[in-house]
Each structure stands twice: as structure tokens, then as C-alpha cells.
């Protein structure tokens, strides 16, 4: 399962960001996972729950936003509807992937000490 390596990288990035802001812990981690990313969200959540032990994320929740696939024409930017051939019906150009392959750390909720 490559979800464990993704979670390992996610935890390292989250902890680095938390240290930049002198956080004492991370309360919430939000990620965006594209439909074509090859990541199974349920496996990612399970891997996160196991790997977070002993980290600043030990009490953090993981929120996963699933991002649907969207395509558009390379030339005229016309959106290509789901199920359509991946070629623009207006100008004939091939479609480009607009979203749906991403794996993004979208947001962290940090706990910081009172100053």
C-alpha cells in the first residue's frame, strides 16, 4: 500500500509546518485527494491513524475531500462533460486534465502556546 508512504510524507510536512509556527500539536489535517490520484481515501485514513502515534498529529483528525475528475479543451478551455470523448466538440483539440489527480495538504489546524 503506497498510502503509508503518502501518510509518512504528509506527517513530515505537517510537523515541519507546525514547528515553523511553534505549535505544540496538530488538531486537524485536511487533504484533497483526486479521483485519479491512485489513493484510496479509506486506506489513507487507516494509515494515518496508525502512523500518527508519537507525532504532533497523535490526536489529529484527518479530513479527506475527494476531488472529482474534470477535463477542458487545451485550446479554447471549454469544459468537457463527464462521459464525453476527451476531445473538444467545438474546435477538435484534445482535452487536458484540469483536476482529479492531486494529492494536496489543504489545511492544518494547529495548537500553539499562549504568548
PDB file of N, CA and C in Angstrom:
ATOM      1  N   UNK A   1       0.839  -1.189   0.000  1.00  0.00           N
ATOM      2  CA  UNK A   1       0.000   0.000   0.000  1.00  0.00           C
ATOM      3  C   UNK A   1       0.879   1.246   0.000  1.00  0.00           C
ATOM      4  N   UNK A   2       0.750   2.055  -1.017  1.00  0.00           N
ATOM      5  CA  UNK A   2       1.528   3.291  -1.044  1.00  0.00           C
ATOM      6  C   UNK A   2       0.903   4.377  -0.168  1.00  0.00           C
ATOM      7  N   UNK A   3      -0.289   4.118   0.361  1.00  0.00           N
ATOM      8  CA  UNK A   3      -0.903   5.087   1.269  1.00  0.00           C
ATOM      9  C   UNK A   3      -0.024   5.345   2.488  1.00  0.00           C
ATOM     10  N   UNK A   4       0.723   4.332   2.950  1.00  0.00           N
ATOM     11  CA  UNK A   4       1.599   4.522   4.114  1.00  0.00           C
ATOM     12  C   UNK A   4       2.737   5.486   3.791  1.00  0.00           C
ATOM     13  N   UNK A   5       3.301   5.399   2.601  1.00  0.00           N
ATOM     14  CA  UNK A   5       4.372   6.339   2.247  1.00  0.00           C
ATOM     15  C   UNK A   5       3.811   7.745   2.061  1.00  0.00           C
ATOM     16  N   UNK A   6       2.596   7.854   1.568  1.00  0.00           N
ATOM     17  CA  UNK A   6       1.953   9.165   1.433  1.00  0.00           C
ATOM     18  C   UNK A   6       1.708   9.760   2.818  1.00  0.00           C
ATOM     19  N   UNK A   7       1.216   8.945   3.746  1.00  0.00           N
ATOM     20  CA  UNK A   7       0.973   9.418   5.108  1.00  0.00           C
ATOM     21  C   UNK A   7       2.280   9.818   5.778  1.00  0.00           C
ATOM     22  N   UNK A   8       3.331   9.080   5.555  1.00  0.00           N
ATOM     23  CA  UNK A   8       4.635   9.413   6.135  1.00  0.00           C
ATOM     24  C   UNK A   8       5.089  10.788   5.657  1.00  0.00           C
ATOM     25  N   UNK A   9       4.951  11.048   4.381  1.00  0.00           N
ATOM     26  CA  UNK A   9       5.303  12.358   3.827  1.00  0.00           C
ATOM     27  C   UNK A   9       4.374  13.445   4.354  1.00  0.00           C
ATOM     28  N   UNK A  10       3.100  13.138   4.446  1.00  0.00           N
ATOM     29  CA  UNK A  10       2.107  14.077   4.972  1.00  0.00           C
ATOM     30  C   UNK A  10       2.435  14.470   6.410  1.00  0.00           C
ATOM     31  N   UNK A  11       2.762  13.487   7.242  1.00  0.00           N
ATOM     32  CA  UNK A  11       3.100  13.761   8.637  1.00  0.00           C
ATOM     33  C   UNK A  11       4.373  14.599   8.745  1.00  0.00           C
ATOM     34  N   UNK A  12       5.354  14.295   7.926  1.00  0.00           N
ATOM     35  CA  UNK A  12       6.605  15.062   7.952  1.00  0.00           C
ATOM     36  C   UNK A  12       6.356  16.516   7.561  1.00  0.00           C
ATOM     37  N   UNK A  13       5.559  16.724   6.534  1.00  0.00           N
ATOM     38  CA  UNK A  13       5.234  18.084   6.093  1.00  0.00           C
ATOM     39  C   UNK A  13       4.428  18.817   7.157  1.00  0.00           C
ATOM     40  N   UNK A  14       3.434  18.153   7.729  1.00  0.00           N
ATOM     41  CA  UNK A  14       2.595  18.774   8.760  1.00  0.00           C
ATOM     42  C   UNK A  14       3.430  19.157   9.974  1.00  0.00           C
ATOM     43  N   UNK A  15       4.319  18.271  10.397  1.00  0.00           N
ATOM     44  CA  UNK A  15       5.160  18.572  11.558  1.00  0.00           C
ATOM     45  C   UNK A  15       6.123  19.723  11.266  1.00  0.00           C
ATOM     46  N   UNK A  16       6.670  19.780  10.066  1.00  0.00           N
ATOM     47  CA  UNK A  16       7.569  20.888   9.699  1.00  0.00           C
ATOM     48  C   UNK A  16       6.818  22.216   9.743  1.00  0.00           C
ATOM     49  N   UNK A  17       5.602  22.234   9.206  1.00  0.00           N
ATOM     50  CA  UNK A  17       4.791  23.457   9.238  1.00  0.00           C
ATOM     51  C   UNK A  17       4.429  23.835  10.673  1.00  0.00           C
ATOM     52  N   UNK A  18       4.113  22.847  11.486  1.00  0.00           N
ATOM     53  CA  UNK A  18       3.768  23.109  12.884  1.00  0.00           C
ATOM     54  C   UNK A  18       4.960  23.719  13.622  1.00  0.00           C
ATOM     55  N   UNK A  19       6.144  23.197  13.378  1.00  0.00           N
ATOM     56  CA  UNK A  19       7.344  23.742  14.033  1.00  0.00           C
ATOM     57  C   UNK A  19       7.622  25.181  13.588  1.00  0.00           C
ATOM     58  N   UNK A  20       7.355  25.482  12.319  1.00  0.00           N
ATOM     59  CA  UNK A  20       7.531  26.857  11.812  1.00  0.00           C
ATOM     60  C   UNK A  20       6.684  27.847  12.604  1.00  0.00           C
ATOM     61  N   UNK A  21       5.552  27.377  13.097  1.00  0.00           N
ATOM     62  CA  UNK A  21       4.612  28.246  13.826  1.00  0.00           C
ATOM     63  C   UNK A  21       4.626  27.985  15.331  1.00  0.00           C
ATOM     64  N   UNK A  22       5.646  27.284  15.801  1.00  0.00           N
ATOM     65  CA  UNK A  22       5.808  26.972  17.224  1.00  0.00           C
ATOM     66  C   UNK A  22       4.570  26.296  17.818  1.00  0.00           C
ATOM     67  N   UNK A  23       3.962  25.413  17.048  1.00  0.00           N
ATOM     68  CA  UNK A  23       2.773  24.699  17.515  1.00  0.00           C
ATOM     69  C   UNK A  23       3.165  23.582  18.482  1.00  0.00           C
ATOM     70  N   UNK A  24       2.300  23.345  19.440  1.00  0.00           N
ATOM     71  CA  UNK A  24       2.527  22.257  20.398  1.00  0.00           C
ATOM     72  C   UNK A  24       1.871  20.960  19.936  1.00  0.00           C
ATOM     73  N   UNK A  25       0.868  21.082  19.071  1.00  0.00           N
ATOM     74  CA  UNK A  25       0.230  19.897  18.496  1.00  0.00           C
ATOM     75  C   UNK A  25      -0.565  20.305  17.260  1.00  0.00           C
ATOM     76  N   UNK A  26      -0.963  19.296  16.531  1.00  0.00           N
ATOM     77  CA  UNK A  26      -1.798  19.492  15.343  1.00  0.00           C
ATOM     78  C   UNK A  26      -3.140  18.858  15.652  1.00  0.00           C
ATOM     79  N   UNK A  27      -4.210  19.615  15.488  1.00  0.00           N
ATOM     80  CA  UNK A  27      -5.553  19.147  15.819  1.00  0.00           C
ATOM     81  C   UNK A  27      -6.301  18.573  14.621  1.00  0.00           C
ATOM     82  N   UNK A  28      -6.044  19.127  13.432  1.00  0.00           N
ATOM     83  CA  UNK A  28      -6.789  18.678  12.254  1.00  0.00           C
ATOM     84  C   UNK A  28      -5.905  18.798  11.031  1.00  0.00           C
ATOM     85  N   UNK A  29      -5.986  17.786  10.181  1.00  0.00           N
ATOM     86  CA  UNK A  29      -5.269  17.775   8.913  1.00  0.00           C
ATOM     87  C   UNK A  29      -6.317  17.572   7.826  1.00  0.00           C
ATOM     88  N   UNK A  30      -6.336  18.471   6.850  1.00  0.00           N
ATOM     89  CA  UNK A  30      -7.289  18.347   5.741  1.00  0.00           C
ATOM     90  C   UNK A  30      -6.501  18.146   4.448  1.00  0.00           C
ATOM     91  N   UNK A  31      -6.894  17.150   3.685  1.00  0.00           N
ATOM     92  CA  UNK A  31      -6.239  16.859   2.412  1.00  0.00           C
ATOM     93  C   UNK A  31      -7.270  16.803   1.293  1.00  0.00           C
ATOM     94  N   UNK A  32      -6.793  17.044   0.080  1.00  0.00           N
ATOM     95  CA  UNK A  32      -7.615  16.906  -1.126  1.00  0.00           C
ATOM     96  C   UNK A  32      -7.030  15.767  -1.937  1.00  0.00           C
ATOM     97  N   UNK A  33      -7.863  14.781  -2.239  1.00  0.00           N
ATOM     98  CA  UNK A  33      -7.426  13.593  -2.962  1.00  0.00           C
ATOM     99  C   UNK A  33      -8.225  13.472  -4.256  1.00  0.00           C
ATOM    100  N   UNK A  34      -7.530  13.535  -5.370  1.00  0.00           N
ATOM    101  CA  UNK A  34      -8.180  13.422  -6.670  1.00  0.00           C
ATOM    102  C   UNK A  34      -8.604  12.003  -6.992  1.00  0.00           C
ATOM    103  N   UNK A  35      -9.673  11.905  -7.739  1.00  0.00           N
ATOM    104  CA  UNK A  35     -10.240  10.615  -8.131  1.00  0.00           C
ATOM    105  C   UNK A  35      -9.229   9.764  -8.911  1.00  0.00           C
ATOM    106  N   UNK A  36      -8.342  10.411  -9.671  1.00  0.00           N
ATOM    107  CA  UNK A  36      -7.339   9.690 -10.461  1.00  0.00           C
ATOM    108  C   UNK A  36      -5.970   9.633  -9.790  1.00  0.00           C
ATOM    109  N   UNK A  37      -5.885   9.988  -8.528  1.00  0.00           N
ATOM    110  CA  UNK A  37      -4.595  10.040  -7.837  1.00  0.00           C
ATOM    111  C   UNK A  37      -4.026   8.659  -7.531  1.00  0.00           C
ATOM    112  N   UNK A  38      -4.864   7.645  -7.551  1.00  0.00           N
ATOM    113  CA  UNK A  38      -4.417   6.308  -7.200  1.00  0.00           C
ATOM    114  C   UNK A  38      -4.427   6.058  -5.703  1.00  0.00           C
ATOM    115  N   UNK A  39      -4.976   6.999  -4.940  1.00  0.00           N
ATOM    116  CA  UNK A  39      -5.033   6.870  -3.488  1.00  0.00           C
ATOM    117  C   UNK A  39      -6.441   6.469  -3.076  1.00  0.00           C
ATOM    118  N   UNK A  40      -6.520   5.457  -2.236  1.00  0.00           N
ATOM    119  CA  UNK A  40      -7.801   5.022  -1.690  1.00  0.00           C
ATOM    120  C   UNK A  40      -8.019   5.769  -0.376  1.00  0.00           C
ATOM    121  N   UNK A  41      -8.980   6.703  -0.327  1.00  0.00           N
ATOM    122  CA  UNK A  41      -9.168   7.512   0.875  1.00  0.00           C
ATOM    123  C   UNK A  41      -9.343   6.725   2.170  1.00  0.00           C
ATOM    124  N   UNK A  42     -10.071   5.621   2.148  1.00  0.00           N
ATOM    125  CA  UNK A  42     -10.268   4.840   3.374  1.00  0.00           C
ATOM    126  C   UNK A  42      -8.956   4.237   3.869  1.00  0.00           C
ATOM    127  N   UNK A  43      -8.119   3.776   2.941  1.00  0.00           N
ATOM    128  CA  UNK A  43      -6.807   3.242   3.324  1.00  0.00           C
ATOM    129  C   UNK A  43      -5.898   4.351   3.833  1.00  0.00           C
ATOM    130  N   UNK A  44      -6.017   5.540   3.255  1.00  0.00           N
ATOM    131  CA  UNK A  44      -5.225   6.682   3.710  1.00  0.00           C
ATOM    132  C   UNK A  44      -5.588   7.029   5.152  1.00  0.00           C
ATOM    133  N   UNK A  45      -6.865   7.041   5.463  1.00  0.00           N
ATOM    134  CA  UNK A  45      -7.325   7.340   6.823  1.00  0.00           C
ATOM    135  C   UNK A  45      -6.816   6.282   7.796  1.00  0.00           C
ATOM    136  N   UNK A  46      -6.900   5.010   7.422  1.00  0.00           N
ATOM    137  CA  UNK A  46      -6.402   3.932   8.287  1.00  0.00           C
ATOM    138  C   UNK A  46      -4.907   4.066   8.515  1.00  0.00           C
ATOM    139  N   UNK A  47      -4.164   4.348   7.456  1.00  0.00           N
ATOM    140  CA  UNK A  47      -2.714   4.515   7.582  1.00  0.00           C
ATOM    141  C   UNK A  47      -2.383   5.704   8.469  1.00  0.00           C
ATOM    142  N   UNK A  48      -3.142   6.788   8.334  1.00  0.00           N
ATOM    143  CA  UNK A  48      -2.920   7.978   9.155  1.00  0.00           C
ATOM    144  C   UNK A  48      -3.125   7.659  10.632  1.00  0.00           C
ATOM    145  N   UNK A  49      -4.184   6.941  10.945  1.00  0.00           N
ATOM    146  CA  UNK A  49      -4.480   6.610  12.339  1.00  0.00           C
ATOM    147  C   UNK A  49      -3.377   5.766  12.969  1.00  0.00           C
ATOM    148  N   UNK A  50      -2.746   4.916  12.186  1.00  0.00           N
ATOM    149  CA  UNK A  50      -1.650   4.095  12.710  1.00  0.00           C
ATOM    150  C   UNK A  50      -0.347   4.890  12.810  1.00  0.00           C
ATOM    151  N   UNK A  51      -0.050   5.684  11.801  1.00  0.00           N
ATOM    152  CA  UNK A  51       1.243   6.370  11.715  1.00  0.00           C
ATOM    153  C   UNK A  51       1.337   7.622  12.580  1.00  0.00           C
ATOM    154  N   UNK A  52       0.222   8.187  12.994  1.00  0.00           N
ATOM    155  CA  UNK A  52       0.255   9.455  13.736  1.00  0.00           C
ATOM    156  C   UNK A  52       0.745   9.297  15.174  1.00  0.00           C
ATOM    157  N   UNK A  53       0.732   8.071  15.707  1.00  0.00           N
ATOM    158  CA  UNK A  53       1.171   7.816  17.084  1.00  0.00           C
ATOM    159  C   UNK A  53       2.584   8.352  17.287  1.00  0.00           C
ATOM    160  N   UNK A  54       2.784   9.098  18.378  1.00  0.00           N
ATOM    161  CA  UNK A  54       4.097   9.620  18.712  1.00  0.00           C
ATOM    162  C   UNK A  54       4.516  10.845  17.917  1.00  0.00           C
ATOM    163  N   UNK A  55       3.583  11.424  17.157  1.00  0.00           N
ATOM    164  CA  UNK A  55       3.885  12.626  16.381  1.00  0.00           C
ATOM    165  C   UNK A  55       3.044  13.790  16.913  1.00  0.00           C
ATOM    166  N   UNK A  56       3.271  14.975  16.369  1.00  0.00           N
ATOM    167  CA  UNK A  56       2.448  16.124  16.737  1.00  0.00           C
ATOM    168  C   UNK A  56       0.990  15.925  16.294  1.00  0.00           C
ATOM    169  N   UNK A  57       0.749  14.956  15.436  1.00  0.00           N
ATOM    170  CA  UNK A  57      -0.598  14.656  14.938  1.00  0.00           C
ATOM    171  C   UNK A  57      -1.278  13.537  15.726  1.00  0.00           C
ATOM    172  N   UNK A  58      -0.718  13.167  16.877  1.00  0.00           N
ATOM    173  CA  UNK A  58      -1.233  11.998  17.590  1.00  0.00           C
ATOM    174  C   UNK A  58      -2.716  12.096  17.945  1.00  0.00           C
ATOM    175  N   UNK A  59      -3.235  13.296  18.099  1.00  0.00           N
ATOM    176  CA  UNK A  59      -4.660  13.488  18.416  1.00  0.00           C
ATOM    177  C   UNK A  59      -5.427  14.128  17.258  1.00  0.00           C
ATOM    178  N   UNK A  60      -4.779  14.264  16.128  1.00  0.00           N
ATOM    179  CA  UNK A  60      -5.387  14.978  14.991  1.00  0.00           C
ATOM    180  C   UNK A  60      -6.399  14.118  14.257  1.00  0.00           C
ATOM    181  N   UNK A  61      -7.399  14.800  13.718  1.00  0.00           N
ATOM    182  CA  UNK A  61      -8.333  14.141  12.809  1.00  0.00           C
ATOM    183  C   UNK A  61      -7.840  14.378  11.387  1.00  0.00           C
ATOM    184  N   UNK A  62      -8.161  13.460  10.521  1.00  0.00           N
ATOM    185  CA  UNK A  62      -7.820  13.602   9.105  1.00  0.00           C
ATOM    186  C   UNK A  62      -9.103  13.758   8.320  1.00  0.00           C
ATOM    187  N   UNK A  63      -9.236  14.876   7.619  1.00  0.00           N
ATOM    188  CA  UNK A  63     -10.397  15.112   6.760  1.00  0.00           C
ATOM    189  C   UNK A  63      -9.957  14.977   5.311  1.00  0.00           C
ATOM    190  N   UNK A  64     -10.684  14.176   4.568  1.00  0.00           N
ATOM    191  CA  UNK A  64     -10.358  13.924   3.173  1.00  0.00           C
ATOM    192  C   UNK A  64     -11.462  14.492   2.296  1.00  0.00           C
ATOM    193  N   UNK A  65     -11.078  15.407   1.427  1.00  0.00           N
ATOM    194  CA  UNK A  65     -12.006  15.920   0.417  1.00  0.00           C
ATOM    195  C   UNK A  65     -11.680  15.207  -0.888  1.00  0.00           C
ATOM    196  N   UNK A  66     -12.653  14.536  -1.430  1.00  0.00           N
ATOM    197  CA  UNK A  66     -12.465  13.832  -2.703  1.00  0.00           C
ATOM    198  C   UNK A  66     -12.718  14.807  -3.848  1.00  0.00           C
ATOM    199  N   UNK A  67     -11.776  14.871  -4.760  1.00  0.00           N
ATOM    200  CA  UNK A  67     -11.862  15.809  -5.881  1.00  0.00           C
ATOM    201  C   UNK A  67     -12.212  15.033  -7.150  1.00  0.00           C
ATOM    202  N   UNK A  68     -13.335  15.368  -7.769  1.00  0.00           N
ATOM    203  CA  UNK A  68     -13.715  14.661  -8.993  1.00  0.00           C
ATOM    204  C   UNK A  68     -12.823  15.064 -10.166  1.00  0.00           C
ATOM    205  N   UNK A  69     -12.820  14.217 -11.163  1.00  0.00           N
ATOM    206  CA  UNK A  69     -12.052  14.483 -12.378  1.00  0.00           C
ATOM    207  C   UNK A  69     -12.774  15.537 -13.213  1.00  0.00           C
ATOM    208  N   UNK A  70     -12.013  16.475 -13.741  1.00  0.00           N
ATOM    209  CA  UNK A  70     -12.587  17.415 -14.709  1.00  0.00           C
ATOM    210  C   UNK A  70     -11.576  17.648 -15.823  1.00  0.00           C
ATOM    211  N   UNK A  71     -12.109  17.802 -17.026  1.00  0.00           N
ATOM    212  CA  UNK A  71     -11.315  17.984 -18.234  1.00  0.00           C
ATOM    213  C   UNK A  71     -11.760  19.255 -18.939  1.00  0.00           C
ATOM    214  N   UNK A  72     -10.862  19.839 -19.722  1.00  0.00           N
ATOM    215  CA  UNK A  72     -11.189  21.012 -20.537  1.00  0.00           C
ATOM    216  C   UNK A  72     -10.354  20.969 -21.813  1.00  0.00           C
ATOM    217  N   UNK A  73     -10.809  21.703 -22.807  1.00  0.00           N
ATOM    218  CA  UNK A  73     -10.083  21.812 -24.071  1.00  0.00           C
ATOM    219  C   UNK A  73      -8.768  22.560 -23.842  1.00  0.00           C
ATOM    220  N   UNK A  74      -7.694  22.064 -24.421  1.00  0.00           N
ATOM    221  CA  UNK A  74      -6.389  22.731 -24.316  1.00  0.00           C
ATOM    222  C   UNK A  74      -6.388  24.090 -25.007  1.00  0.00           C
ATOM    223  N   UNK A  75      -7.111  24.200 -26.086  1.00  0.00           N
ATOM    224  CA  UNK A  75      -7.066  25.418 -26.897  1.00  0.00           C
ATOM    225  C   UNK A  75      -8.077  26.465 -26.434  1.00  0.00           C
ATOM    226  N   UNK A  76      -9.336  26.086 -26.297  1.00  0.00           N
ATOM    227  CA  UNK A  76     -10.366  27.088 -26.011  1.00  0.00           C
ATOM    228  C   UNK A  76     -10.888  27.042 -24.569  1.00  0.00           C
ATOM    229  N   UNK A  77     -10.388  26.107 -23.770  1.00  0.00           N
ATOM    230  CA  UNK A  77     -10.733  25.976 -22.346  1.00  0.00           C
ATOM    231  C   UNK A  77     -12.189  25.568 -22.090  1.00  0.00           C
ATOM    232  N   UNK A  78     -12.886  25.123 -23.115  1.00  0.00           N
ATOM    233  CA  UNK A  78     -14.263  24.656 -22.933  1.00  0.00           C
ATOM    234  C   UNK A  78     -14.255  23.416 -22.047  1.00  0.00           C
ATOM    235  N   UNK A  79     -15.089  23.408 -21.005  1.00  0.00           N
ATOM    236  CA  UNK A  79     -15.170  22.209 -20.152  1.00  0.00           C
ATOM    237  C   UNK A  79     -15.689  21.015 -20.956  1.00  0.00           C
ATOM    238  N   UNK A  80     -15.135  19.850 -20.669  1.00  0.00           N
ATOM    239  CA  UNK A  80     -15.578  18.610 -21.291  1.00  0.00           C
ATOM    240  C   UNK A  80     -16.404  17.862 -20.246  1.00  0.00           C
ATOM    241  N   UNK A  81     -17.639  17.597 -20.558  1.00  0.00           N
ATOM    242  CA  UNK A  81     -18.553  16.952 -19.607  1.00  0.00           C
ATOM    243  C   UNK A  81     -18.149  15.502 -19.365  1.00  0.00           C
ATOM    244  N   UNK A  82     -18.421  14.995 -18.153  1.00  0.00           N
ATOM    245  CA  UNK A  82     -18.140  13.591 -17.874  1.00  0.00           C
ATOM    246  C   UNK A  82     -18.824  12.690 -18.895  1.00  0.00           C
ATOM    247  N   UNK A  83     -18.089  11.715 -19.387  1.00  0.00           N
ATOM    248  CA  UNK A  83     -18.627  10.780 -20.362  1.00  0.00           C
ATOM    249  C   UNK A  83     -18.411  11.193 -21.805  1.00  0.00           C
ATOM    250  N   UNK A  84     -18.062  12.468 -22.042  1.00  0.00           N
ATOM    251  CA  UNK A  84     -17.780  12.913 -23.410  1.00  0.00           C
ATOM    252  C   UNK A  84     -16.413  12.397 -23.852  1.00  0.00           C
ATOM    253  N   UNK A  85     -16.233  12.296 -25.137  1.00  0.00           N
ATOM    254  CA  UNK A  85     -14.921  11.971 -25.693  1.00  0.00           C
ATOM    255  C   UNK A  85     -13.972  13.086 -25.288  1.00  0.00           C
ATOM    256  N   UNK A  86     -12.740  12.733 -24.974  1.00  0.00           N
ATOM    257  CA  UNK A  86     -11.779  13.718 -24.474  1.00  0.00           C
ATOM    258  C   UNK A  86     -11.149  14.515 -25.618  1.00  0.00           C
ATOM    259  N   UNK A  87     -12.034  15.104 -26.382  1.00  0.00           N
ATOM    260  CA  UNK A  87     -11.668  15.987 -27.488  1.00  0.00           C
ATOM    261  C   UNK A  87     -12.755  17.041 -27.567  1.00  0.00           C
ATOM    262  N   UNK A  88     -12.365  18.282 -27.766  1.00  0.00           N
ATOM    263  CA  UNK A  88     -13.324  19.384 -27.780  1.00  0.00           C
ATOM    264  C   UNK A  88     -14.303  19.240 -28.952  1.00  0.00           C
ATOM    265  N   UNK A  89     -15.604  19.283 -28.669  1.00  0.00           N
ATOM    266  CA  UNK A  89     -16.580  19.205 -29.749  1.00  0.00           C
ATOM    267  C   UNK A  89     -16.627  20.490 -30.579  1.00  0.00           C
ATOM    268  N   UNK A  90     -16.096  21.596 -30.040  1.00  0.00           N
ATOM    269  CA  UNK A  90     -16.105  22.867 -30.761  1.00  0.00           C
ATOM    270  C   UNK A  90     -14.915  23.019 -31.702  1.00  0.00           C
ATOM    271  N   UNK A  91     -13.699  22.784 -31.183  1.00  0.00           N
ATOM    272  CA  UNK A  91     -12.505  23.033 -32.004  1.00  0.00           C
ATOM    273  C   UNK A  91     -11.709  21.778 -32.333  1.00  0.00           C
ATOM    274  N   UNK A  92     -12.052  20.643 -31.725  1.00  0.00           N
ATOM    275  CA  UNK A  92     -11.394  19.380 -32.038  1.00  0.00           C
ATOM    276  C   UNK A  92     -10.093  19.119 -31.309  1.00  0.00           C
ATOM    277  N   UNK A  93      -9.645  20.034 -30.482  1.00  0.00           N
ATOM    278  CA  UNK A  93      -8.391  19.829 -29.751  1.00  0.00           C
ATOM    279  C   UNK A  93      -8.565  18.787 -28.653  1.00  0.00           C
ATOM    280  N   UNK A  94      -7.474  18.090 -28.311  1.00  0.00           N
ATOM    281  CA  UNK A  94      -7.559  17.125 -27.218  1.00  0.00           C
ATOM    282  C   UNK A  94      -7.778  17.829 -25.879  1.00  0.00           C
ATOM    283  N   UNK A  95      -8.401  17.118 -24.967  1.00  0.00           N
ATOM    284  CA  UNK A  95      -8.681  17.666 -23.642  1.00  0.00           C
ATOM    285  C   UNK A  95      -7.436  17.586 -22.763  1.00  0.00           C
ATOM    286  N   UNK A  96      -7.403  18.449 -21.751  1.00  0.00           N
ATOM    287  CA  UNK A  96      -6.357  18.363 -20.727  1.00  0.00           C
ATOM    288  C   UNK A  96      -7.047  18.146 -19.385  1.00  0.00           C
ATOM    289  N   UNK A  97      -6.359  17.465 -18.513  1.00  0.00           N
ATOM    290  CA  UNK A  97      -6.873  17.213 -17.175  1.00  0.00           C
ATOM    291  C   UNK A  97      -6.774  18.505 -16.363  1.00  0.00           C
ATOM    292  N   UNK A  98      -7.894  18.950 -15.806  1.00  0.00           N
ATOM    293  CA  UNK A  98      -7.933  20.175 -15.011  1.00  0.00           C
ATOM    294  C   UNK A  98      -7.796  19.848 -13.528  1.00  0.00           C
ATOM    295  N   UNK A  99      -8.469  18.822 -13.073  1.00  0.00           N
ATOM    296  CA  UNK A  99      -8.372  18.404 -11.675  1.00  0.00           C
ATOM    297  C   UNK A  99      -8.739  16.935 -11.574  1.00  0.00           C
ATOM    298  N   UNK A 100      -8.338  16.355 -10.449  1.00  0.00           N
ATOM    299  CA  UNK A 100      -8.697  14.971 -10.199  1.00  0.00           C
ATOM    300  C   UNK A 100      -7.512  14.052 -10.020  1.00  0.00           C
ATOM    301  N   UNK A 101      -6.278  14.575 -10.182  1.00  0.00           N
ATOM    302  CA  UNK A 101      -5.099  13.730  -9.963  1.00  0.00           C
ATOM    303  C   UNK A 101      -4.257  14.210  -8.778  1.00  0.00           C
ATOM    304  N   UNK A 102      -4.779  15.186  -8.030  1.00  0.00           N
ATOM    305  CA  UNK A 102      -3.996  15.805  -6.967  1.00  0.00           C
ATOM    306  C   UNK A 102      -4.017  15.027  -5.658  1.00  0.00           C
ATOM    307  N   UNK A 103      -2.946  15.225  -4.901  1.00  0.00           N
ATOM    308  CA  UNK A 103      -2.836  14.793  -3.504  1.00  0.00           C
ATOM    309  C   UNK A 103      -2.262  16.015  -2.798  1.00  0.00           C
ATOM    310  N   UNK A 104      -3.122  16.779  -2.128  1.00  0.00           N
ATOM    311  CA  UNK A 104      -2.709  18.059  -1.558  1.00  0.00           C
ATOM    312  C   UNK A 104      -3.001  18.161  -0.070  1.00  0.00           C
ATOM    313  N   UNK A 105      -2.037  18.699   0.656  1.00  0.00           N
ATOM    314  CA  UNK A 105      -2.278  19.099   2.034  1.00  0.00           C
ATOM    315  C   UNK A 105      -2.988  20.439   1.941  1.00  0.00           C
ATOM    316  N   UNK A 106      -4.259  20.469   2.291  1.00  0.00           N
ATOM    317  CA  UNK A 106      -5.072  21.669   2.098  1.00  0.00           C
ATOM    318  C   UNK A 106      -5.063  22.591   3.310  1.00  0.00           C
ATOM    319  N   UNK A 107      -5.047  22.004   4.511  1.00  0.00           N
ATOM    320  CA  UNK A 107      -5.178  22.848   5.710  1.00  0.00           C
ATOM    321  C   UNK A 107      -4.710  22.090   6.945  1.00  0.00           C
ATOM    322  N   UNK A 108      -4.116  22.847   7.865  1.00  0.00           N
ATOM    323  CA  UNK A 108      -3.728  22.316   9.177  1.00  0.00           C
ATOM    324  C   UNK A 108      -4.369  23.184  10.244  1.00  0.00           C
ATOM    325  N   UNK A 109      -4.840  22.568  11.294  1.00  0.00           N
ATOM    326  CA  UNK A 109      -5.312  23.306  12.460  1.00  0.00           C
ATOM    327  C   UNK A 109      -4.316  23.012  13.566  1.00  0.00           C
ATOM    328  N   UNK A 110      -3.615  24.060  14.000  1.00  0.00           N
ATOM    329  CA  UNK A 110      -2.538  23.925  14.957  1.00  0.00           C
ATOM    330  C   UNK A 110      -2.940  24.447  16.327  1.00  0.00           C
ATOM    331  N   UNK A 111      -2.339  23.849  17.335  1.00  0.00           N
ATOM    332  CA  UNK A 111      -2.496  24.369  18.693  1.00  0.00           C
ATOM    333  C   UNK A 111      -1.153  24.992  19.073  1.00  0.00           C
ATOM    334  N   UNK A 112      -1.211  26.260  19.455  1.00  0.00           N
ATOM    335  CA  UNK A 112       0.006  26.968  19.831  1.00  0.00           C
ATOM    336  C   UNK A 112      -0.126  27.453  21.279  1.00  0.00           C
ATOM    337  N   UNK A 113       1.008  27.594  21.912  1.00  0.00           N
ATOM    338  CA  UNK A 113       1.016  28.064  23.300  1.00  0.00           C
ATOM    339  C   UNK A 113       0.629  29.538  23.328  1.00  0.00           C
ATOM    340  N   UNK A 114      -0.020  29.959  24.419  1.00  0.00           N
ATOM    341  CA  UNK A 114      -0.342  31.376  24.596  1.00  0.00           C
ATOM    342  C   UNK A 114       0.949  32.161  24.720  1.00  0.00           C
ATOM    343  N   UNK A 115       0.945  33.321  24.117  1.00  0.00           N
ATOM    344  CA  UNK A 115       2.145  34.168  24.178  1.00  0.00           C
ATOM    345  C   UNK A 115       2.026  35.158  25.293  1.00  0.00           C
TER     346      UNK A 115
END
